[in-house]
Amino acid sequence: MEHLFPPLTAEIRRYVDAIPALVDTVFPIPKRFRSGLSRDVAELSRLLTSAQGERNESYLGTRPLLSAYLRYFLPWNIYRLARLLPSLSLPLSANASNGHAASITDLGSGPLTLPIALWISRPDLRGVPLEFHCLDRTGAALDAGKSLFAALVYKDISTACPWTIKTIKASLGEPIRFPKADLVTAVNLFNELFRKLPRTGSLSAFTEKQTHLLSSLALDSGSILVLEPGVPRCGEFISLLRTAFTAKGRLPLSPCPHGGPCPMPGSSKWCHFAFDTADAPAGLHRLSEAAGIPKERAVLSFLLAGPAVPAAAPGVPAASAAPKDALPVRLISDAFPLTGEGKRPAPTSLHGRYGCSARGLVLVTGKRGEVEGLESGALETFEAGSRRDGKSGALVLELR
């Protein structure tokens, strides 16, 4: 069984736990202003959610909001990435295609969230020469990230860091003049751009445009990682992005267990994953409680698209090909009762979870405790059957 969100190792957890204190060390705030921190976090959360129309494009250029972002949103985003990145196969090695350092273009980098999280969660890459091009429209956020990254790295190593980070203050769509990258990343970027779009129709056109941009920045042999909050419209965007990349020959490497059409209902908003946050820093949980936005679970939607492969290339399986016996299934939904509707389900009652497979939407069924014990995002292999659920049309697979 493959886990998308493996528990933090002891080493990674030490790094994650140290982030809040590191922020305080690099960007100290007077004690008299600390009492207002939870209020600033709550205000920034409001501007990022229910009051998006009030937010200007350079909101991280204001000191109180940048401070709130560094102390709340940055550590939470690093934590989410630290749970995901160890499970991803990334095209980063000393033998990268340019013959020297592997290259990463990070769009909407803010305070260098992705490079910091990658250093923390992938110790296997800390000795690999990597060259980052980090773009963001707010120079103050990029500068803050450079200071944090330096403090994080150089407290642990005495020699020169093999990673090179170049920051570029620019908005998405402005001309970008540097070589194509082995990996292009965008974390929590596109939801800020499509929030102003009408509710219908235009998201598809927006996604096509971003697919072209992301592909133009990546080497044909490179990969593209996009991660967004786990809300319905972001799930819809990720599903559309997957379809557009597949049409360009960039098949999904994760989380999808296949390269065929997206089988989730409506091919849209249902693809997201959740995991509990019990191992996040205790101080971060306290700040979340004080701001009135506790986080018991982290929820996200993401896509890792692979190299561009010609559709008729030898050795590339047809997108519609399905295993005859063993069927890999990526678990998507939470568990829900299939019996006892309107009543409290018994511990042994039948429960189900939806999943994604090469044969389309799957409904995994079993006893409540067994189904609830499966992890969101886990890749399980089942014996393929033929029975379909009468309500959803999903292929029914039973836990044995």
Protein backbone atom coordinates (compact mmCIF):
# COMPACT_ATOMS: atom_id res chain seq x y z
CA MET A 1 0.00 0.00 0.00
CA GLU A 2 1.31 3.43 -0.98
CA HIS A 3 0.65 6.39 1.31
CA LEU A 4 0.38 9.91 -0.10
CA PHE A 5 0.79 11.49 3.32
CA PRO A 6 3.17 9.36 5.39
CA PRO A 7 3.66 10.41 9.02
CA LEU A 8 6.47 12.85 9.62
CA THR A 9 9.78 11.19 10.43
CA ALA A 10 11.47 12.27 13.65
CA GLU A 11 13.95 14.41 11.68
CA ILE A 12 11.33 16.12 9.53
CA ARG A 13 9.14 16.75 12.55
CA ARG A 14 12.03 18.50 14.36
CA TYR A 15 12.38 20.84 11.39
CA VAL A 16 8.64 21.49 11.14
CA ASP A 17 8.34 22.10 14.88
CA ALA A 18 11.21 24.61 14.70
CA ILE A 19 9.66 26.80 12.00
CA PRO A 20 7.54 29.07 14.30
CA ALA A 21 10.55 29.79 16.55
CA LEU A 22 12.73 30.37 13.49
CA VAL A 23 10.26 32.96 12.19
CA ASP A 24 10.31 34.71 15.57
CA THR A 25 14.11 34.74 15.58
CA VAL A 26 14.47 36.14 12.07
CA PHE A 27 11.49 38.50 12.32
CA PRO A 28 11.02 39.39 16.00
CA ILE A 29 7.96 41.42 16.95
CA PRO A 30 7.73 43.52 20.14
CA LYS A 31 5.80 41.88 22.94
CA ARG A 32 3.25 44.68 22.92
CA PHE A 33 2.30 43.81 19.35
CA ARG A 34 2.14 40.04 19.86
CA SER A 35 -1.28 40.28 21.52
CA GLY A 36 -2.69 41.44 18.17
CA LEU A 37 -1.21 38.55 16.18
CA SER A 38 -4.28 36.31 16.38
CA ARG A 39 -6.42 39.23 15.23
CA ASP A 40 -4.12 39.81 12.22
CA VAL A 41 -4.24 36.08 11.38
CA ALA A 42 -8.05 36.13 11.52
CA GLU A 43 -8.16 39.21 9.29
CA LEU A 44 -5.79 37.69 6.73
CA SER A 45 -7.85 34.49 6.74
CA ARG A 46 -10.96 36.56 6.06
CA LEU A 47 -9.25 38.32 3.14
CA LEU A 48 -8.17 34.97 1.72
CA THR A 49 -11.64 33.42 1.97
CA SER A 50 -14.93 35.25 2.50
CA ALA A 51 -13.62 38.75 1.69
CA GLN A 52 -11.41 38.02 -1.30
CA GLY A 53 -12.84 41.00 -3.17
CA GLU A 54 -11.36 43.36 -0.56
CA ARG A 55 -7.84 42.01 -0.95
CA ASN A 56 -5.37 43.86 -3.14
CA GLU A 57 -2.73 42.06 -5.17
CA SER A 58 0.16 43.16 -2.92
CA TYR A 59 -1.46 42.26 0.39
CA LEU A 60 1.74 40.63 1.65
CA GLY A 61 3.50 43.96 1.26
CA THR A 62 1.84 45.27 4.46
CA ARG A 63 3.79 44.48 7.62
CA PRO A 64 0.95 43.15 9.85
CA LEU A 65 -0.39 40.83 7.14
CA LEU A 66 3.09 39.61 6.18
CA SER A 67 3.82 38.91 9.85
CA ALA A 68 0.54 36.99 10.14
CA TYR A 69 1.33 35.04 6.99
CA LEU A 70 4.83 34.11 8.18
CA ARG A 71 3.59 32.97 11.59
CA TYR A 72 0.42 31.14 10.54
CA PHE A 73 -0.04 30.37 6.83
CA LEU A 74 3.64 29.68 6.06
CA PRO A 75 4.06 27.06 8.83
CA TRP A 76 0.76 25.37 7.92
CA ASN A 77 1.70 25.28 4.23
CA ILE A 78 5.14 23.90 5.07
CA TYR A 79 3.50 21.25 7.23
CA ARG A 80 1.12 20.21 4.43
CA LEU A 81 3.97 19.99 1.93
CA ALA A 82 6.16 18.09 4.40
CA ARG A 83 3.45 15.44 4.59
CA LEU A 84 3.14 15.20 0.77
CA LEU A 85 6.57 15.77 -0.80
CA PRO A 86 8.28 12.62 0.56
CA SER A 87 5.81 10.47 -1.40
CA LEU A 88 6.34 12.19 -4.76
CA SER A 89 8.79 11.12 -7.45
CA LEU A 90 10.45 14.38 -8.49
CA PRO A 91 12.87 14.76 -11.44
CA LEU A 92 15.68 16.25 -9.36
CA SER A 93 19.13 14.71 -9.45
CA ALA A 94 22.74 15.62 -10.04
CA ASN A 95 22.42 14.16 -13.53
CA ALA A 96 19.69 16.59 -14.60
CA SER A 97 19.20 17.31 -18.27
CA ASN A 98 21.24 20.52 -18.23
CA GLY A 99 24.31 18.59 -17.08
CA HIS A 100 24.78 20.61 -13.91
CA ALA A 101 22.16 21.55 -11.34
CA ALA A 102 18.58 20.40 -11.59
CA SER A 103 16.33 23.40 -12.09
CA ILE A 104 13.05 24.37 -10.40
CA THR A 105 10.77 27.24 -11.39
CA ASP A 106 8.44 28.10 -8.50
CA LEU A 107 5.53 30.38 -9.41
CA GLY A 108 3.85 32.51 -6.73
CA SER A 109 6.65 31.54 -4.38
CA GLY A 110 5.79 34.07 -1.66
CA PRO A 111 8.20 33.57 1.28
CA LEU A 112 9.83 30.61 -0.53
CA THR A 113 7.37 28.10 0.90
CA LEU A 114 8.23 25.36 -1.60
CA PRO A 115 12.06 25.55 -1.31
CA ILE A 116 11.84 25.62 2.50
CA ALA A 117 9.44 22.68 2.60
CA LEU A 118 11.58 20.73 0.11
CA TRP A 119 14.72 21.24 2.22
CA ILE A 120 12.87 20.10 5.34
CA SER A 121 11.05 17.09 3.92
CA ARG A 122 13.52 15.68 1.37
CA PRO A 123 16.88 15.12 3.11
CA ASP A 124 17.87 13.03 0.09
CA LEU A 125 18.01 16.25 -1.96
CA ARG A 126 19.96 18.47 0.46
CA GLY A 127 23.27 17.49 -1.12
CA VAL A 128 22.01 17.72 -4.71
CA PRO A 129 22.83 20.89 -6.68
CA LEU A 130 19.50 22.60 -7.32
CA GLU A 131 18.82 25.94 -8.97
CA PHE A 132 15.55 27.68 -8.07
CA HIS A 133 13.89 30.54 -9.91
CA CYS A 134 11.25 31.85 -7.50
CA LEU A 135 8.70 34.33 -8.84
CA ASP A 136 6.28 36.45 -6.87
CA ARG A 137 4.73 39.89 -7.32
CA THR A 138 5.58 40.92 -3.73
CA GLY A 139 9.24 41.64 -3.14
CA ALA A 140 8.83 41.78 0.65
CA ALA A 141 7.59 38.19 0.73
CA LEU A 142 10.49 36.96 -1.41
CA ASP A 143 13.01 38.81 0.77
CA ALA A 144 11.48 37.32 3.90
CA GLY A 145 11.73 33.85 2.38
CA LYS A 146 15.40 34.31 1.51
CA SER A 147 16.18 35.31 5.11
CA LEU A 148 14.24 32.33 6.50
CA PHE A 149 15.84 29.87 4.10
CA ALA A 150 19.33 31.09 4.96
CA ALA A 151 18.62 30.83 8.70
CA LEU A 152 17.19 27.34 8.26
CA VAL A 153 20.02 25.99 6.14
CA TYR A 154 23.10 27.56 7.62
CA LYS A 155 22.38 26.59 11.19
CA ASP A 156 22.84 22.97 10.07
CA ILE A 157 25.67 23.04 7.55
CA SER A 158 29.09 24.66 7.69
CA THR A 159 29.90 24.36 3.99
CA ALA A 160 28.30 26.15 1.07
CA CYS A 161 24.71 25.17 0.36
CA PRO A 162 24.44 23.34 -2.99
CA TRP A 163 21.10 25.03 -3.66
CA THR A 164 20.99 28.35 -5.51
CA ILE A 165 17.89 30.50 -5.12
CA LYS A 166 17.21 33.37 -7.49
CA THR A 167 14.15 35.51 -6.78
CA ILE A 168 12.26 37.46 -9.42
CA LYS A 169 9.66 40.09 -8.58
CA ALA A 170 7.10 39.62 -11.33
CA SER A 171 3.46 38.84 -11.89
CA LEU A 172 2.30 35.71 -13.64
CA GLY A 173 2.20 36.27 -17.38
CA GLU A 174 5.09 38.73 -17.52
CA PRO A 175 7.96 37.67 -19.81
CA ILE A 176 10.21 35.12 -18.09
CA ARG A 177 13.75 34.91 -19.45
CA PHE A 178 15.50 31.85 -18.10
CA PRO A 179 15.87 28.23 -19.26
CA LYS A 180 13.09 25.69 -19.04
CA ALA A 181 13.04 23.75 -15.78
CA ASP A 182 13.19 20.12 -14.71
CA LEU A 183 10.34 20.87 -12.29
CA VAL A 184 7.75 23.66 -12.38
CA THR A 185 5.76 24.23 -9.18
CA ALA A 186 2.81 26.39 -8.17
CA VAL A 187 1.53 26.15 -4.58
CA ASN A 188 -1.69 27.95 -3.59
CA LEU A 189 -1.36 30.26 -6.58
CA PHE A 190 -4.14 29.73 -9.09
CA ASN A 191 -7.07 29.98 -6.68
CA GLU A 192 -6.04 33.60 -6.11
CA LEU A 193 -6.30 34.20 -9.85
CA PHE A 194 -9.55 32.45 -10.74
CA ARG A 195 -11.46 33.84 -7.72
CA LYS A 196 -12.66 36.74 -9.89
CA LEU A 197 -13.88 34.54 -12.73
CA PRO A 198 -17.61 33.97 -13.29
CA ARG A 199 -18.90 30.78 -11.73
CA THR A 200 -19.51 28.99 -15.03
CA GLY A 201 -17.65 28.43 -18.27
CA SER A 202 -14.58 30.56 -17.86
CA LEU A 203 -12.65 28.21 -15.55
CA SER A 204 -12.06 25.84 -18.46
CA ALA A 205 -10.59 28.61 -20.64
CA PHE A 206 -8.51 29.84 -17.68
CA THR A 207 -7.15 26.33 -17.13
CA GLU A 208 -6.17 25.92 -20.78
CA LYS A 209 -4.22 29.17 -20.58
CA GLN A 210 -2.39 28.11 -17.41
CA THR A 211 -1.66 24.67 -18.88
CA HIS A 212 0.06 26.35 -21.82
CA LEU A 213 2.05 28.62 -19.49
CA LEU A 214 3.18 25.81 -17.19
CA SER A 215 4.14 23.59 -20.13
CA SER A 216 6.13 26.41 -21.72
CA LEU A 217 8.24 26.71 -18.56
CA ALA A 218 9.02 23.00 -18.23
CA LEU A 219 11.41 20.82 -20.17
CA ASP A 220 9.74 18.05 -22.15
CA SER A 221 11.52 15.66 -19.78
CA GLY A 222 10.42 17.65 -16.74
CA SER A 223 7.41 17.49 -14.44
CA ILE A 224 4.84 20.00 -13.16
CA LEU A 225 3.44 20.10 -9.62
CA VAL A 226 0.35 22.18 -8.81
CA LEU A 227 -1.19 22.22 -5.34
CA GLU A 228 -4.30 24.12 -4.24
CA PRO A 229 -6.60 24.25 -1.18
CA GLY A 230 -9.01 21.32 -0.93
CA VAL A 231 -12.18 23.23 -1.78
CA PRO A 232 -14.62 22.30 -4.58
CA ARG A 233 -13.59 24.89 -7.15
CA CYS A 234 -9.92 24.06 -6.70
CA GLY A 235 -10.75 20.39 -7.18
CA GLU A 236 -12.54 21.33 -10.38
CA PHE A 237 -9.51 23.30 -11.55
CA ILE A 238 -7.15 20.40 -10.80
CA SER A 239 -9.39 18.00 -12.72
CA LEU A 240 -9.50 20.34 -15.73
CA LEU A 241 -5.74 20.80 -15.49
CA ARG A 242 -5.28 17.04 -15.52
CA THR A 243 -7.37 16.72 -18.68
CA ALA A 244 -5.47 19.53 -20.41
CA PHE A 245 -2.05 18.11 -19.48
CA THR A 246 -3.06 14.63 -20.62
CA ALA A 247 -4.05 16.08 -24.01
CA LYS A 248 -0.50 17.45 -24.26
CA GLY A 249 0.99 14.04 -23.50
CA ARG A 250 1.81 14.84 -19.86
CA LEU A 251 0.22 11.93 -18.02
CA PRO A 252 -0.51 12.24 -14.29
CA LEU A 253 2.14 10.73 -12.02
CA SER A 254 0.24 11.45 -8.81
CA PRO A 255 -2.29 11.14 -7.28
CA CYS A 256 -3.99 9.38 -10.21
CA PRO A 257 -3.34 5.62 -10.57
CA HIS A 258 -4.00 5.79 -14.33
CA GLY A 259 -3.84 8.11 -17.34
CA GLY A 260 -7.39 7.72 -18.58
CA PRO A 261 -10.26 10.21 -18.25
CA CYS A 262 -10.99 11.45 -14.73
CA PRO A 263 -13.72 9.18 -13.33
CA MET A 264 -14.82 11.34 -10.41
CA PRO A 265 -18.44 12.60 -10.50
CA GLY A 266 -18.65 15.47 -12.97
CA SER A 267 -14.86 15.16 -13.44
CA SER A 268 -14.58 18.12 -11.17
CA LYS A 269 -14.74 19.10 -7.55
CA TRP A 270 -14.46 15.79 -5.73
CA CYS A 271 -10.74 15.17 -6.05
CA HIS A 272 -9.20 16.28 -2.77
CA PHE A 273 -7.46 14.59 0.14
CA ALA A 274 -7.55 15.09 3.89
CA PHE A 275 -5.34 14.03 6.78
CA ASP A 276 -5.35 14.84 10.49
CA THR A 277 -2.93 17.44 11.85
CA ALA A 278 -2.19 15.98 15.27
CA ASP A 279 1.55 16.06 14.55
CA ALA A 280 1.63 19.75 13.55
CA PRO A 281 3.48 22.11 15.94
CA ALA A 282 1.59 22.63 19.20
CA GLY A 283 2.22 26.39 19.13
CA LEU A 284 0.71 26.57 15.67
CA HIS A 285 -2.40 24.81 16.92
CA ARG A 286 -2.65 27.32 19.78
CA LEU A 287 -2.39 30.26 17.39
CA SER A 288 -5.05 28.68 15.19
CA GLU A 289 -7.39 28.33 18.17
CA ALA A 290 -6.75 31.92 19.25
CA ALA A 291 -7.55 33.19 15.74
CA GLY A 292 -10.79 31.19 15.67
CA ILE A 293 -9.67 28.93 12.79
CA PRO A 294 -8.61 25.61 14.34
CA LYS A 295 -7.24 22.99 11.97
CA GLU A 296 -7.98 19.42 12.94
CA ARG A 297 -7.53 18.28 9.35
CA ALA A 298 -5.54 19.52 6.38
CA VAL A 299 -7.31 19.30 3.01
CA LEU A 300 -5.71 19.78 -0.40
CA SER A 301 -6.02 19.09 -4.12
CA PHE A 302 -2.93 18.53 -6.23
CA LEU A 303 -1.54 17.16 -9.46
CA LEU A 304 1.94 16.01 -10.44
CA ALA A 305 2.08 15.82 -14.25
CA GLY A 306 4.94 13.92 -15.83
CA PRO A 307 7.16 14.38 -18.88
CA ALA A 308 5.66 15.15 -22.27
CA VAL A 309 5.27 11.82 -24.07
CA PRO A 310 4.08 11.48 -27.68
CA ALA A 311 0.71 9.76 -27.74
CA ALA A 312 1.93 6.94 -30.01
CA ALA A 313 5.30 6.44 -28.31
CA PRO A 314 6.29 2.77 -27.94
CA GLY A 315 5.89 1.44 -24.42
CA VAL A 316 3.33 4.02 -23.38
CA PRO A 317 0.18 2.18 -22.24
CA ALA A 318 -3.10 3.27 -23.73
CA ALA A 319 -4.99 5.56 -21.38
CA SER A 320 -8.00 3.25 -21.42
CA ALA A 321 -6.04 0.11 -20.58
CA ALA A 322 -7.21 -1.54 -17.35
CA PRO A 323 -5.70 -4.38 -15.32
CA LYS A 324 -7.47 -7.70 -15.76
CA ASP A 325 -7.25 -8.90 -12.14
CA ALA A 326 -5.46 -6.60 -9.70
CA LEU A 327 -6.90 -3.09 -9.79
CA PRO A 328 -5.00 -0.17 -8.14
CA VAL A 329 -7.40 2.28 -6.49
CA ARG A 330 -6.62 5.73 -5.05
CA LEU A 331 -8.99 6.37 -2.13
CA ILE A 332 -10.59 9.81 -2.34
CA SER A 333 -13.60 10.38 -0.11
CA ASP A 334 -14.20 10.08 3.61
CA ALA A 335 -16.02 6.98 4.83
CA PHE A 336 -19.82 7.08 4.82
CA PRO A 337 -22.56 4.61 5.87
CA LEU A 338 -24.25 2.48 3.24
CA THR A 339 -26.87 1.04 5.60
CA GLY A 340 -28.98 2.31 8.46
CA GLU A 341 -29.85 5.58 6.73
CA GLY A 342 -31.21 8.07 9.25
CA LYS A 343 -29.87 6.06 12.18
CA ARG A 344 -26.56 5.96 14.00
CA PRO A 345 -24.47 3.34 12.16
CA ALA A 346 -23.39 0.34 14.18
CA PRO A 347 -19.65 -0.42 14.39
CA THR A 348 -20.16 -3.41 12.11
CA SER A 349 -22.47 -1.70 9.61
CA LEU A 350 -21.54 -1.48 5.95
CA HIS A 351 -19.57 1.63 5.01
CA GLY A 352 -18.00 2.84 1.78
CA ARG A 353 -15.37 5.17 0.35
CA TYR A 354 -15.10 6.38 -3.22
CA GLY A 355 -11.90 5.88 -5.13
CA CYS A 356 -10.30 6.45 -8.52
CA SER A 357 -9.17 3.65 -10.85
CA ALA A 358 -8.42 2.85 -14.48
CA ARG A 359 -11.91 1.33 -14.65
CA GLY A 360 -13.54 4.52 -13.47
CA LEU A 361 -15.16 5.49 -10.19
CA VAL A 362 -14.89 2.82 -7.50
CA LEU A 363 -16.88 2.27 -4.30
CA VAL A 364 -14.86 0.37 -1.71
CA THR A 365 -17.15 -1.31 0.83
CA GLY A 366 -16.66 -3.12 4.11
CA LYS A 367 -17.31 -2.99 7.83
CA ARG A 368 -17.30 0.48 9.33
CA GLY A 369 -14.07 0.12 11.29
CA GLU A 370 -12.21 -1.39 8.36
CA VAL A 371 -13.30 1.28 5.89
CA GLU A 372 -12.67 4.13 8.31
CA GLY A 373 -9.21 2.68 8.94
CA LEU A 374 -8.18 3.28 5.33
CA GLU A 375 -6.23 6.48 4.80
CA SER A 376 -7.30 9.26 2.46
CA GLY A 377 -5.06 9.13 -0.58
CA ALA A 378 -3.84 5.58 0.03
CA LEU A 379 -3.23 3.50 -3.08
CA GLU A 380 -4.75 0.05 -2.49
CA THR A 381 -4.92 -2.89 -4.87
CA PHE A 382 -8.18 -4.83 -5.10
CA GLU A 383 -9.41 -7.85 -6.97
CA ALA A 384 -11.38 -6.44 -9.88
CA GLY A 385 -15.10 -7.27 -10.03
CA SER A 386 -18.05 -6.37 -12.21
CA ARG A 387 -20.85 -5.28 -9.84
CA ARG A 388 -21.91 -1.63 -10.07
CA ASP A 389 -23.47 0.59 -7.42
CA GLY A 390 -27.05 1.44 -8.41
CA LYS A 391 -26.83 5.01 -7.09
CA SER A 392 -23.45 6.24 -8.35
CA GLY A 393 -22.64 3.71 -11.06
CA ALA A 394 -19.31 3.08 -9.33
CA LEU A 395 -17.61 -0.29 -9.56
CA VAL A 396 -18.14 -2.00 -6.18
CA LEU A 397 -15.05 -3.55 -4.58
CA GLU A 398 -15.22 -5.33 -1.24
CA LEU A 399 -12.58 -5.27 1.48
CA ARG A 400 -11.50 -8.82 2.30
